[in-house]
Amino acid sequence: MKLNEMELQTIRHLIMANDTTSCKMSAYAQQAQTPEIRQYFEKAAQTATDAKNELMGFLK
């Protein structure tokens, strides 16, 4: 499937946003005081990483 320039830009933007989200959630997890909050942020970070990886598949 061939993507047009606007679609490519949108995918790149979403990849960057998910990468940023993953980094922030990981940082928040490291600062969490309780295991429940740490787990919540770790799961959010993993979800963002998974979404980023899925989007990167469109660029191959």
C-alpha atoms as a PDB file:
ATOM      1  CA  MET A   1       0.000   0.000   0.000  1.00  0.00           C
ATOM      2  CA  LYS A   2       1.415   3.363  -1.036  1.00  0.00           C
ATOM      3  CA  LEU A   3       0.917   6.207   1.425  1.00  0.00           C
ATOM      4  CA  ASN A   4       0.717   9.814   0.338  1.00  0.00           C
ATOM      5  CA  GLU A   5       2.839  12.546   1.907  1.00  0.00           C
ATOM      6  CA  MET A   6       0.134  13.698   4.320  1.00  0.00           C
ATOM      7  CA  GLU A   7      -0.446  10.151   5.571  1.00  0.00           C
ATOM      8  CA  LEU A   8       3.302   9.674   6.079  1.00  0.00           C
ATOM      9  CA  GLN A   9       3.548  12.918   8.035  1.00  0.00           C
ATOM     10  CA  THR A  10       0.595  11.917  10.200  1.00  0.00           C
ATOM     11  CA  ILE A  11       2.097   8.508  10.944  1.00  0.00           C
ATOM     12  CA  ARG A  12       5.464  10.084  11.805  1.00  0.00           C
ATOM     13  CA  HIS A  13       3.723  12.549  14.109  1.00  0.00           C
ATOM     14  CA  LEU A  14       1.844   9.731  15.860  1.00  0.00           C
ATOM     15  CA  ILE A  15       5.054   7.709  16.225  1.00  0.00           C
ATOM     16  CA  MET A  16       6.792  10.665  17.871  1.00  0.00           C
ATOM     17  CA  ALA A  17       3.795  11.307  20.146  1.00  0.00           C
ATOM     18  CA  ASN A  18       3.693   7.675  21.275  1.00  0.00           C
ATOM     19  CA  ASP A  19       7.445   7.677  21.845  1.00  0.00           C
ATOM     20  CA  THR A  20       7.158  10.798  23.993  1.00  0.00           C
ATOM     21  CA  THR A  21       4.250   9.307  25.920  1.00  0.00           C
ATOM     22  CA  SER A  22       6.174   6.098  26.544  1.00  0.00           C
ATOM     23  CA  CYS A  23       9.188   8.007  27.871  1.00  0.00           C
ATOM     24  CA  LYS A  24       7.054  10.167  30.156  1.00  0.00           C
ATOM     25  CA  MET A  25       5.060   7.230  31.498  1.00  0.00           C
ATOM     26  CA  SER A  26       8.288   5.327  32.220  1.00  0.00           C
ATOM     27  CA  ALA A  27       9.662   8.330  34.090  1.00  0.00           C
ATOM     28  CA  TYR A  28       6.447   8.646  36.089  1.00  0.00           C
ATOM     29  CA  ALA A  29       6.600   4.922  36.901  1.00  0.00           C
ATOM     30  CA  GLN A  30      10.113   5.317  38.290  1.00  0.00           C
ATOM     31  CA  GLN A  31       8.906   8.110  40.571  1.00  0.00           C
ATOM     32  CA  ALA A  32       5.774   6.305  41.753  1.00  0.00           C
ATOM     33  CA  GLN A  33       5.496   5.696  45.465  1.00  0.00           C
ATOM     34  CA  THR A  34       3.116   2.735  45.371  1.00  0.00           C
ATOM     35  CA  PRO A  35       3.276  -0.501  43.367  1.00  0.00           C
ATOM     36  CA  GLU A  36      -0.213   0.068  41.963  1.00  0.00           C
ATOM     37  CA  ILE A  37       0.650   3.481  40.549  1.00  0.00           C
ATOM     38  CA  ARG A  38       3.988   2.180  39.244  1.00  0.00           C
ATOM     39  CA  GLN A  39       2.210  -0.680  37.481  1.00  0.00           C
ATOM     40  CA  TYR A  40      -0.348   1.723  35.979  1.00  0.00           C
ATOM     41  CA  PHE A  41       2.364   3.913  34.438  1.00  0.00           C
ATOM     42  CA  GLU A  42       4.418   0.917  33.282  1.00  0.00           C
ATOM     43  CA  LYS A  43       1.353  -0.464  31.496  1.00  0.00           C
ATOM     44  CA  ALA A  44       0.690   2.935  29.904  1.00  0.00           C
ATOM     45  CA  ALA A  45       4.312   3.099  28.741  1.00  0.00           C
ATOM     46  CA  GLN A  46       4.081  -0.385  27.224  1.00  0.00           C
ATOM     47  CA  THR A  47       0.810   0.459  25.480  1.00  0.00           C
ATOM     48  CA  ALA A  48       2.395   3.558  23.930  1.00  0.00           C
ATOM     49  CA  THR A  49       5.440   1.538  22.832  1.00  0.00           C
ATOM     50  CA  ASP A  50       3.220  -1.111  21.268  1.00  0.00           C
ATOM     51  CA  ALA A  51       1.263   1.561  19.393  1.00  0.00           C
ATOM     52  CA  LYS A  52       4.505   3.147  18.167  1.00  0.00           C
ATOM     53  CA  ASN A  53       5.795  -0.194  16.923  1.00  0.00           C
ATOM     54  CA  GLU A  54       2.531  -0.926  15.142  1.00  0.00           C
ATOM     55  CA  LEU A  55       2.636   2.462  13.419  1.00  0.00           C
ATOM     56  CA  MET A  56       6.246   1.899  12.375  1.00  0.00           C
ATOM     57  CA  GLY A  57       5.043  -1.154  10.488  1.00  0.00           C
ATOM     58  CA  PHE A  58       3.253   1.168   8.076  1.00  0.00           C
ATOM     59  CA  LEU A  59       6.570   2.778   7.128  1.00  0.00           C
ATOM     60  CA  LYS A  60       8.172  -0.467   5.980  1.00  0.00           C
END
